[in-house]
Amino acid sequence: MAKEYRAKVFKSGNSVALRLPKALGITEGTEMLVREERGKFEFEPVPSESKKIDLTGIWGSCPGLSALTQEEREFEPSPRIWDDPDWPGWTETPRS
């Protein structure tokens, strides 16, 4: 069974705000998504965006690790089954 909490709406500038109990464990500044359906409100934290990994702190700590040259960044095209004339679905013209 879900816990119930009472909260109070108050005026904040030209808007209204809902003061949430500390017991909910929501930290200040958390961005929330609010849904209203037939007079009922639901709210949940906005999913965080995936973070990129920053490797600048370990750069140079792995012996033999170096940046790829421009030539090393280019790959040969890999063979595809539909490019094989012996494949039953093969046609002369590429499909779009």
PDB file of N, CA and C in Angstrom:
ATOM      1  N   MET A   1       0.844  -1.179   0.000  1.00  0.00           N
ATOM      2  CA  MET A   1       0.000   0.000   0.000  1.00  0.00           C
ATOM      3  C   MET A   1       0.890   1.243   0.000  1.00  0.00           C
ATOM      4  N   ALA A   2       0.526   2.210  -0.788  1.00  0.00           N
ATOM      5  CA  ALA A   2       1.298   3.447  -0.905  1.00  0.00           C
ATOM      6  C   ALA A   2       1.102   4.319   0.323  1.00  0.00           C
ATOM      7  N   LYS A   3       2.152   5.048   0.681  1.00  0.00           N
ATOM      8  CA  LYS A   3       2.037   5.999   1.796  1.00  0.00           C
ATOM      9  C   LYS A   3       1.378   7.268   1.291  1.00  0.00           C
ATOM     10  N   GLU A   4       0.632   7.911   2.148  1.00  0.00           N
ATOM     11  CA  GLU A   4      -0.004   9.179   1.801  1.00  0.00           C
ATOM     12  C   GLU A   4       0.604  10.291   2.634  1.00  0.00           C
ATOM     13  N   TYR A   5       0.783  11.437   2.006  1.00  0.00           N
ATOM     14  CA  TYR A   5       1.308  12.623   2.668  1.00  0.00           C
ATOM     15  C   TYR A   5       0.392  13.786   2.337  1.00  0.00           C
ATOM     16  N   ARG A   6       0.295  14.719   3.246  1.00  0.00           N
ATOM     17  CA  ARG A   6      -0.445  15.954   2.975  1.00  0.00           C
ATOM     18  C   ARG A   6       0.556  17.028   2.599  1.00  0.00           C
ATOM     19  N   ALA A   7       0.182  17.818   1.617  1.00  0.00           N
ATOM     20  CA  ALA A   7       1.037  18.912   1.169  1.00  0.00           C
ATOM     21  C   ALA A   7       0.146  20.120   0.948  1.00  0.00           C
ATOM     22  N   LYS A   8       0.754  21.290   1.000  1.00  0.00           N
ATOM     23  CA  LYS A   8      -0.020  22.516   0.885  1.00  0.00           C
ATOM     24  C   LYS A   8       0.479  23.342  -0.293  1.00  0.00           C
ATOM     25  N   VAL A   9      -0.464  23.873  -1.048  1.00  0.00           N
ATOM     26  CA  VAL A   9      -0.152  24.747  -2.176  1.00  0.00           C
ATOM     27  C   VAL A   9      -0.035  26.170  -1.654  1.00  0.00           C
ATOM     28  N   PHE A  10       0.984  26.889  -2.123  1.00  0.00           N
ATOM     29  CA  PHE A  10       1.153  28.282  -1.719  1.00  0.00           C
ATOM     30  C   PHE A  10       1.551  29.112  -2.926  1.00  0.00           C
ATOM     31  N   LYS A  11       1.374  30.419  -2.818  1.00  0.00           N
ATOM     32  CA  LYS A  11       1.704  31.340  -3.902  1.00  0.00           C
ATOM     33  C   LYS A  11       3.200  31.613  -3.881  1.00  0.00           C
ATOM     34  N   SER A  12       3.802  31.574  -5.067  1.00  0.00           N
ATOM     35  CA  SER A  12       5.224  31.856  -5.218  1.00  0.00           C
ATOM     36  C   SER A  12       5.374  32.738  -6.450  1.00  0.00           C
ATOM     37  N   GLY A  13       5.443  34.048  -6.242  1.00  0.00           N
ATOM     38  CA  GLY A  13       5.473  34.985  -7.364  1.00  0.00           C
ATOM     39  C   GLY A  13       4.125  34.971  -8.057  1.00  0.00           C
ATOM     40  N   ASN A  14       4.129  34.794  -9.372  1.00  0.00           N
ATOM     41  CA  ASN A  14       2.881  34.710 -10.130  1.00  0.00           C
ATOM     42  C   ASN A  14       2.419  33.264 -10.316  1.00  0.00           C
ATOM     43  N   SER A  15       3.069  32.334  -9.644  1.00  0.00           N
ATOM     44  CA  SER A  15       2.733  30.917  -9.766  1.00  0.00           C
ATOM     45  C   SER A  15       2.270  30.380  -8.425  1.00  0.00           C
ATOM     46  N   VAL A  16       1.865  29.132  -8.431  1.00  0.00           N
ATOM     47  CA  VAL A  16       1.606  28.432  -7.176  1.00  0.00           C
ATOM     48  C   VAL A  16       2.620  27.301  -7.084  1.00  0.00           C
ATOM     49  N   ALA A  17       2.954  26.908  -5.877  1.00  0.00           N
ATOM     50  CA  ALA A  17       3.936  25.853  -5.654  1.00  0.00           C
ATOM     51  C   ALA A  17       3.372  24.857  -4.660  1.00  0.00           C
ATOM     52  N   LEU A  18       3.867  23.656  -4.715  1.00  0.00           N
ATOM     53  CA  LEU A  18       3.446  22.604  -3.804  1.00  0.00           C
ATOM     54  C   LEU A  18       4.634  22.248  -2.931  1.00  0.00           C
ATOM     55  N   ARG A  19       4.493  22.431  -1.646  1.00  0.00           N
ATOM     56  CA  ARG A  19       5.565  22.097  -0.706  1.00  0.00           C
ATOM     57  C   ARG A  19       5.447  20.613  -0.386  1.00  0.00           C
ATOM     58  N   LEU A  20       6.492  19.857  -0.713  1.00  0.00           N
ATOM     59  CA  LEU A  20       6.473  18.411  -0.510  1.00  0.00           C
ATOM     60  C   LEU A  20       7.189  18.041   0.784  1.00  0.00           C
ATOM     61  N   PRO A  21       6.681  17.056   1.503  1.00  0.00           N
ATOM     62  CA  PRO A  21       7.316  16.648   2.755  1.00  0.00           C
ATOM     63  C   PRO A  21       8.735  16.122   2.537  1.00  0.00           C
ATOM     64  N   LYS A  22       9.617  16.413   3.472  1.00  0.00           N
ATOM     65  CA  LYS A  22      11.005  15.965   3.415  1.00  0.00           C
ATOM     66  C   LYS A  22      11.083  14.438   3.380  1.00  0.00           C
ATOM     67  N   ALA A  23      10.095  13.786   3.987  1.00  0.00           N
ATOM     68  CA  ALA A  23      10.079  12.322   4.062  1.00  0.00           C
ATOM     69  C   ALA A  23      10.061  11.663   2.683  1.00  0.00           C
ATOM     70  N   LEU A  24       9.669  12.391   1.650  1.00  0.00           N
ATOM     71  CA  LEU A  24       9.668  11.834   0.299  1.00  0.00           C
ATOM     72  C   LEU A  24      11.083  11.664  -0.248  1.00  0.00           C
ATOM     73  N   GLY A  25      12.046  12.371   0.334  1.00  0.00           N
ATOM     74  CA  GLY A  25      13.439  12.225  -0.068  1.00  0.00           C
ATOM     75  C   GLY A  25      13.810  12.911  -1.365  1.00  0.00           C
ATOM     76  N   ILE A  26      13.014  13.870  -1.798  1.00  0.00           N
ATOM     77  CA  ILE A  26      13.315  14.599  -3.030  1.00  0.00           C
ATOM     78  C   ILE A  26      14.289  15.722  -2.696  1.00  0.00           C
ATOM     79  N   THR A  27      15.402  15.777  -3.420  1.00  0.00           N
ATOM     80  CA  THR A  27      16.398  16.805  -3.135  1.00  0.00           C
ATOM     81  C   THR A  27      16.033  18.109  -3.838  1.00  0.00           C
ATOM     82  N   GLU A  28      16.445  19.193  -3.231  1.00  0.00           N
ATOM     83  CA  GLU A  28      16.171  20.524  -3.780  1.00  0.00           C
ATOM     84  C   GLU A  28      16.783  20.651  -5.164  1.00  0.00           C
ATOM     85  N   GLY A  29      16.037  21.231  -6.087  1.00  0.00           N
ATOM     86  CA  GLY A  29      16.526  21.443  -7.446  1.00  0.00           C
ATOM     87  C   GLY A  29      16.213  20.298  -8.397  1.00  0.00           C
ATOM     88  N   THR A  30      15.609  19.219  -7.897  1.00  0.00           N
ATOM     89  CA  THR A  30      15.251  18.098  -8.759  1.00  0.00           C
ATOM     90  C   THR A  30      14.170  18.533  -9.739  1.00  0.00           C
ATOM     91  N   GLU A  31      14.422  18.318 -11.027  1.00  0.00           N
ATOM     92  CA  GLU A  31      13.422  18.661 -12.039  1.00  0.00           C
ATOM     93  C   GLU A  31      12.368  17.559 -12.068  1.00  0.00           C
ATOM     94  N   MET A  32      11.101  17.968 -12.041  1.00  0.00           N
ATOM     95  CA  MET A  32      10.003  17.012 -11.967  1.00  0.00           C
ATOM     96  C   MET A  32       9.120  17.109 -13.202  1.00  0.00           C
ATOM     97  N   LEU A  33       8.542  15.998 -13.586  1.00  0.00           N
ATOM     98  CA  LEU A  33       7.564  15.927 -14.660  1.00  0.00           C
ATOM     99  C   LEU A  33       6.200  15.792 -13.997  1.00  0.00           C
ATOM    100  N   VAL A  34       5.261  16.688 -14.338  1.00  0.00           N
ATOM    101  CA  VAL A  34       3.933  16.689 -13.722  1.00  0.00           C
ATOM    102  C   VAL A  34       2.899  16.375 -14.793  1.00  0.00           C
ATOM    103  N   ARG A  35       2.007  15.428 -14.489  1.00  0.00           N
ATOM    104  CA  ARG A  35       0.908  15.071 -15.389  1.00  0.00           C
ATOM    105  C   ARG A  35      -0.411  15.344 -14.694  1.00  0.00           C
ATOM    106  N   GLU A  36      -1.360  15.888 -15.454  1.00  0.00           N
ATOM    107  CA  GLU A  36      -2.711  16.120 -14.927  1.00  0.00           C
ATOM    108  C   GLU A  36      -3.676  15.340 -15.794  1.00  0.00           C
ATOM    109  N   GLU A  37      -4.510  14.550 -15.155  1.00  0.00           N
ATOM    110  CA  GLU A  37      -5.527  13.801 -15.880  1.00  0.00           C
ATOM    111  C   GLU A  37      -6.806  13.798 -15.057  1.00  0.00           C
ATOM    112  N   ARG A  38      -7.813  14.468 -15.601  1.00  0.00           N
ATOM    113  CA  ARG A  38      -9.128  14.548 -14.956  1.00  0.00           C
ATOM    114  C   ARG A  38      -9.040  15.044 -13.514  1.00  0.00           C
ATOM    115  N   GLY A  39      -8.249  16.058 -13.300  1.00  0.00           N
ATOM    116  CA  GLY A  39      -8.152  16.670 -11.977  1.00  0.00           C
ATOM    117  C   GLY A  39      -7.220  15.957 -11.015  1.00  0.00           C
ATOM    118  N   LYS A  40      -6.573  14.868 -11.446  1.00  0.00           N
ATOM    119  CA  LYS A  40      -5.599  14.164 -10.609  1.00  0.00           C
ATOM    120  C   LYS A  40      -4.205  14.476 -11.141  1.00  0.00           C
ATOM    121  N   PHE A  41      -3.272  14.648 -10.231  1.00  0.00           N
ATOM    122  CA  PHE A  41      -1.910  15.011 -10.600  1.00  0.00           C
ATOM    123  C   PHE A  41      -0.954  13.885 -10.232  1.00  0.00           C
ATOM    124  N   GLU A  42      -0.021  13.619 -11.114  1.00  0.00           N
ATOM    125  CA  GLU A  42       1.063  12.677 -10.861  1.00  0.00           C
ATOM    126  C   GLU A  42       2.363  13.418 -11.137  1.00  0.00           C
ATOM    127  N   PHE A  43       3.371  13.138 -10.348  1.00  0.00           N
ATOM    128  CA  PHE A  43       4.673  13.744 -10.616  1.00  0.00           C
ATOM    129  C   PHE A  43       5.760  12.717 -10.380  1.00  0.00           C
ATOM    130  N   GLU A  44       6.849  12.877 -11.149  1.00  0.00           N
ATOM    131  CA  GLU A  44       7.998  11.987 -11.022  1.00  0.00           C
ATOM    132  C   GLU A  44       9.238  12.736 -11.492  1.00  0.00           C
ATOM    133  N   PRO A  45      10.409  12.326 -11.014  1.00  0.00           N
ATOM    134  CA  PRO A  45      11.637  12.985 -11.459  1.00  0.00           C
ATOM    135  C   PRO A  45      11.847  12.792 -12.959  1.00  0.00           C
ATOM    136  N   VAL A  46      12.345  13.825 -13.621  1.00  0.00           N
ATOM    137  CA  VAL A  46      12.668  13.739 -15.041  1.00  0.00           C
ATOM    138  C   VAL A  46      13.878  12.820 -15.173  1.00  0.00           C
ATOM    139  N   PRO A  47      13.827  11.842 -16.098  1.00  0.00           N
ATOM    140  CA  PRO A  47      14.985  10.961 -16.273  1.00  0.00           C
ATOM    141  C   PRO A  47      16.221  11.774 -16.646  1.00  0.00           C
ATOM    142  N   SER A  48      17.334  11.451 -16.018  1.00  0.00           N
ATOM    143  CA  SER A  48      18.562  12.193 -16.307  1.00  0.00           C
ATOM    144  C   SER A  48      19.121  11.763 -17.653  1.00  0.00           C
ATOM    145  N   GLU A  49      19.770  12.697 -18.326  1.00  0.00           N
ATOM    146  CA  GLU A  49      20.396  12.403 -19.608  1.00  0.00           C
ATOM    147  C   GLU A  49      21.644  11.577 -19.357  1.00  0.00           C
ATOM    148  N   SER A  50      21.947  10.685 -20.299  1.00  0.00           N
ATOM    149  CA  SER A  50      23.140   9.869 -20.132  1.00  0.00           C
ATOM    150  C   SER A  50      24.373  10.769 -20.189  1.00  0.00           C
ATOM    151  N   LYS A  51      25.292  10.497 -19.331  1.00  0.00           N
ATOM    152  CA  LYS A  51      26.513  11.294 -19.239  1.00  0.00           C
ATOM    153  C   LYS A  51      27.582  10.697 -20.146  1.00  0.00           C
ATOM    154  N   LYS A  52      28.383  11.555 -20.731  1.00  0.00           N
ATOM    155  CA  LYS A  52      29.514  11.089 -21.510  1.00  0.00           C
ATOM    156  C   LYS A  52      30.664  10.819 -20.549  1.00  0.00           C
ATOM    157  N   ILE A  53      31.461   9.833 -20.876  1.00  0.00           N
ATOM    158  CA  ILE A  53      32.602   9.486 -20.035  1.00  0.00           C
ATOM    159  C   ILE A  53      33.760  10.410 -20.390  1.00  0.00           C
ATOM    160  N   ASP A  54      34.335  11.037 -19.387  1.00  0.00           N
ATOM    161  CA  ASP A  54      35.472  11.931 -19.579  1.00  0.00           C
ATOM    162  C   ASP A  54      36.750  11.167 -19.244  1.00  0.00           C
ATOM    163  N   LEU A  55      37.564  10.921 -20.246  1.00  0.00           N
ATOM    164  CA  LEU A  55      38.789  10.157 -20.049  1.00  0.00           C
ATOM    165  C   LEU A  55      40.024  11.031 -19.866  1.00  0.00           C
ATOM    166  N   THR A  56      39.836  12.333 -19.762  1.00  0.00           N
ATOM    167  CA  THR A  56      41.006  13.212 -19.654  1.00  0.00           C
ATOM    168  C   THR A  56      41.802  12.938 -18.386  1.00  0.00           C
ATOM    169  N   GLY A  57      41.161  12.451 -17.342  1.00  0.00           N
ATOM    170  CA  GLY A  57      41.866  12.179 -16.091  1.00  0.00           C
ATOM    171  C   GLY A  57      42.783  10.977 -16.162  1.00  0.00           C
ATOM    172  N   ILE A  58      42.523  10.036 -17.084  1.00  0.00           N
ATOM    173  CA  ILE A  58      43.373   8.844 -17.171  1.00  0.00           C
ATOM    174  C   ILE A  58      44.248   8.849 -18.418  1.00  0.00           C
ATOM    175  N   TRP A  59      44.117   9.883 -19.246  1.00  0.00           N
ATOM    176  CA  TRP A  59      44.914   9.960 -20.460  1.00  0.00           C
ATOM    177  C   TRP A  59      46.392   9.922 -20.109  1.00  0.00           C
ATOM    178  N   GLY A  60      47.118   9.038 -20.731  1.00  0.00           N
ATOM    179  CA  GLY A  60      48.550   8.927 -20.494  1.00  0.00           C
ATOM    180  C   GLY A  60      48.894   7.934 -19.403  1.00  0.00           C
ATOM    181  N   SER A  61      47.918   7.443 -18.657  1.00  0.00           N
ATOM    182  CA  SER A  61      48.220   6.506 -17.577  1.00  0.00           C
ATOM    183  C   SER A  61      48.274   5.063 -18.069  1.00  0.00           C
ATOM    184  N   CYS A  62      47.885   4.809 -19.300  1.00  0.00           N
ATOM    185  CA  CYS A  62      47.922   3.459 -19.871  1.00  0.00           C
ATOM    186  C   CYS A  62      49.064   3.398 -20.876  1.00  0.00           C
ATOM    187  N   PRO A  63      50.111   2.633 -20.576  1.00  0.00           N
ATOM    188  CA  PRO A  63      51.235   2.562 -21.505  1.00  0.00           C
ATOM    189  C   PRO A  63      50.796   1.976 -22.845  1.00  0.00           C
ATOM    190  N   GLY A  64      51.283   2.552 -23.912  1.00  0.00           N
ATOM    191  CA  GLY A  64      50.960   2.064 -25.245  1.00  0.00           C
ATOM    192  C   GLY A  64      49.652   2.594 -25.803  1.00  0.00           C
ATOM    193  N   LEU A  65      48.909   3.341 -25.020  1.00  0.00           N
ATOM    194  CA  LEU A  65      47.639   3.896 -25.480  1.00  0.00           C
ATOM    195  C   LEU A  65      47.899   5.253 -26.120  1.00  0.00           C
ATOM    196  N   SER A  66      47.474   5.397 -27.354  1.00  0.00           N
ATOM    197  CA  SER A  66      47.649   6.677 -28.034  1.00  0.00           C
ATOM    198  C   SER A  66      46.422   6.952 -28.887  1.00  0.00           C
ATOM    199  N   ALA A  67      46.277   8.183 -29.287  1.00  0.00           N
ATOM    200  CA  ALA A  67      45.135   8.571 -30.118  1.00  0.00           C
ATOM    201  C   ALA A  67      45.264   7.937 -31.496  1.00  0.00           C
ATOM    202  N   LEU A  68      44.128   7.628 -32.106  1.00  0.00           N
ATOM    203  CA  LEU A  68      44.130   7.062 -33.451  1.00  0.00           C
ATOM    204  C   LEU A  68      44.466   8.147 -34.468  1.00  0.00           C
ATOM    205  N   THR A  69      45.214   7.752 -35.485  1.00  0.00           N
ATOM    206  CA  THR A  69      45.483   8.681 -36.580  1.00  0.00           C
ATOM    207  C   THR A  69      44.257   8.719 -37.489  1.00  0.00           C
ATOM    208  N   GLN A  70      44.222   9.672 -38.408  1.00  0.00           N
ATOM    209  CA  GLN A  70      43.092   9.784 -39.331  1.00  0.00           C
ATOM    210  C   GLN A  70      42.933   8.506 -40.153  1.00  0.00           C
ATOM    211  N   GLU A  71      44.056   7.917 -40.584  1.00  0.00           N
ATOM    212  CA  GLU A  71      43.999   6.686 -41.370  1.00  0.00           C
ATOM    213  C   GLU A  71      43.432   5.535 -40.546  1.00  0.00           C
ATOM    214  N   GLU A  72      43.765   5.486 -39.262  1.00  0.00           N
ATOM    215  CA  GLU A  72      43.267   4.403 -38.401  1.00  0.00           C
ATOM    216  C   GLU A  72      41.775   4.547 -38.097  1.00  0.00           C
ATOM    217  N   ARG A  73      41.238   5.732 -38.281  1.00  0.00           N
ATOM    218  CA  ARG A  73      39.816   5.962 -38.008  1.00  0.00           C
ATOM    219  C   ARG A  73      38.920   5.534 -39.162  1.00  0.00           C
ATOM    220  N   GLU A  74      39.502   5.291 -40.324  1.00  0.00           N
ATOM    221  CA  GLU A  74      38.723   4.890 -41.490  1.00  0.00           C
ATOM    222  C   GLU A  74      38.701   3.371 -41.574  1.00  0.00           C
ATOM    223  N   PHE A  75      37.520   2.834 -41.812  1.00  0.00           N
ATOM    224  CA  PHE A  75      37.351   1.387 -41.863  1.00  0.00           C
ATOM    225  C   PHE A  75      37.012   0.948 -43.279  1.00  0.00           C
ATOM    226  N   GLU A  76      37.441  -0.261 -43.607  1.00  0.00           N
ATOM    227  CA  GLU A  76      37.057  -0.870 -44.875  1.00  0.00           C
ATOM    228  C   GLU A  76      35.587  -1.252 -44.778  1.00  0.00           C
ATOM    229  N   PRO A  77      34.830  -1.092 -45.866  1.00  0.00           N
ATOM    230  CA  PRO A  77      33.429  -1.519 -45.806  1.00  0.00           C
ATOM    231  C   PRO A  77      33.363  -3.033 -45.604  1.00  0.00           C
ATOM    232  N   SER A  78      32.512  -3.467 -44.719  1.00  0.00           N
ATOM    233  CA  SER A  78      32.389  -4.900 -44.454  1.00  0.00           C
ATOM    234  C   SER A  78      31.454  -5.533 -45.477  1.00  0.00           C
ATOM    235  N   PRO A  79      31.697  -6.796 -45.823  1.00  0.00           N
ATOM    236  CA  PRO A  79      30.842  -7.451 -46.818  1.00  0.00           C
ATOM    237  C   PRO A  79      29.423  -7.646 -46.278  1.00  0.00           C
ATOM    238  N   ARG A  80      28.456  -7.515 -47.161  1.00  0.00           N
ATOM    239  CA  ARG A  80      27.048  -7.691 -46.805  1.00  0.00           C
ATOM    240  C   ARG A  80      26.491  -8.862 -47.602  1.00  0.00           C
ATOM    241  N   ILE A  81      25.638  -9.624 -46.995  1.00  0.00           N
ATOM    242  CA  ILE A  81      25.062 -10.800 -47.648  1.00  0.00           C
ATOM    243  C   ILE A  81      24.319 -10.427 -48.924  1.00  0.00           C
ATOM    244  N   TRP A  82      23.667  -9.274 -48.930  1.00  0.00           N
ATOM    245  CA  TRP A  82      22.887  -8.895 -50.109  1.00  0.00           C
ATOM    246  C   TRP A  82      23.755  -8.405 -51.267  1.00  0.00           C
ATOM    247  N   ASP A  83      25.063  -8.234 -51.033  1.00  0.00           N
ATOM    248  CA  ASP A  83      25.979  -7.890 -52.118  1.00  0.00           C
ATOM    249  C   ASP A  83      26.494  -9.141 -52.837  1.00  0.00           C
ATOM    250  N   ASP A  84      26.205 -10.315 -52.313  1.00  0.00           N
ATOM    251  CA  ASP A  84      26.675 -11.579 -52.875  1.00  0.00           C
ATOM    252  C   ASP A  84      25.720 -12.045 -53.977  1.00  0.00           C
ATOM    253  N   PRO A  85      26.202 -12.177 -55.238  1.00  0.00           N
ATOM    254  CA  PRO A  85      25.317 -12.601 -56.330  1.00  0.00           C
ATOM    255  C   PRO A  85      24.714 -13.990 -56.117  1.00  0.00           C
ATOM    256  N   ASP A  86      25.342 -14.826 -55.284  1.00  0.00           N
ATOM    257  CA  ASP A  86      24.813 -16.168 -55.018  1.00  0.00           C
ATOM    258  C   ASP A  86      23.688 -16.157 -53.993  1.00  0.00           C
ATOM    259  N   TRP A  87      23.463 -15.013 -53.360  1.00  0.00           N
ATOM    260  CA  TRP A  87      22.380 -14.915 -52.371  1.00  0.00           C
ATOM    261  C   TRP A  87      21.047 -14.921 -53.106  1.00  0.00           C
ATOM    262  N   PRO A  88      20.048 -15.715 -52.655  1.00  0.00           N
ATOM    263  CA  PRO A  88      18.779 -15.837 -53.381  1.00  0.00           C
ATOM    264  C   PRO A  88      18.043 -14.514 -53.581  1.00  0.00           C
ATOM    265  N   GLY A  89      18.200 -13.555 -52.696  1.00  0.00           N
ATOM    266  CA  GLY A  89      17.485 -12.292 -52.835  1.00  0.00           C
ATOM    267  C   GLY A  89      18.262 -11.224 -53.586  1.00  0.00           C
ATOM    268  N   TRP A  90      19.394 -11.594 -54.204  1.00  0.00           N
ATOM    269  CA  TRP A  90      20.266 -10.611 -54.849  1.00  0.00           C
ATOM    270  C   TRP A  90      19.628 -10.050 -56.108  1.00  0.00           C
ATOM    271  N   THR A  91      19.765  -8.723 -56.306  1.00  0.00           N
ATOM    272  CA  THR A  91      19.325  -8.069 -57.541  1.00  0.00           C
ATOM    273  C   THR A  91      20.432  -7.158 -58.027  1.00  0.00           C
ATOM    274  N   GLU A  92      20.405  -6.836 -59.315  1.00  0.00           N
ATOM    275  CA  GLU A  92      21.421  -5.952 -59.899  1.00  0.00           C
ATOM    276  C   GLU A  92      21.337  -4.544 -59.340  1.00  0.00           C
ATOM    277  N   THR A  93      20.125  -4.068 -59.115  1.00  0.00           N
ATOM    278  CA  THR A  93      19.942  -2.695 -58.646  1.00  0.00           C
ATOM    279  C   THR A  93      19.741  -2.688 -57.136  1.00  0.00           C
ATOM    280  N   PRO A  94      20.347  -1.729 -56.457  1.00  0.00           N
ATOM    281  CA  PRO A  94      20.159  -1.648 -55.003  1.00  0.00           C
ATOM    282  C   PRO A  94      18.711  -1.327 -54.656  1.00  0.00           C
ATOM    283  N   ARG A  95      18.250  -1.885 -53.559  1.00  0.00           N
ATOM    284  CA  ARG A  95      16.893  -1.605 -53.086  1.00  0.00           C
ATOM    285  C   ARG A  95      16.896  -0.339 -52.253  1.00  0.00           C
ATOM    286  N   SER A  96      15.794   0.382 -52.313  1.00  0.00           N
ATOM    287  CA  SER A  96      15.714   1.608 -51.514  1.00  0.00           C
ATOM    288  C   SER A  96      14.726   1.455 -50.395  1.00  0.00           C
TER     289      SER A  96
END
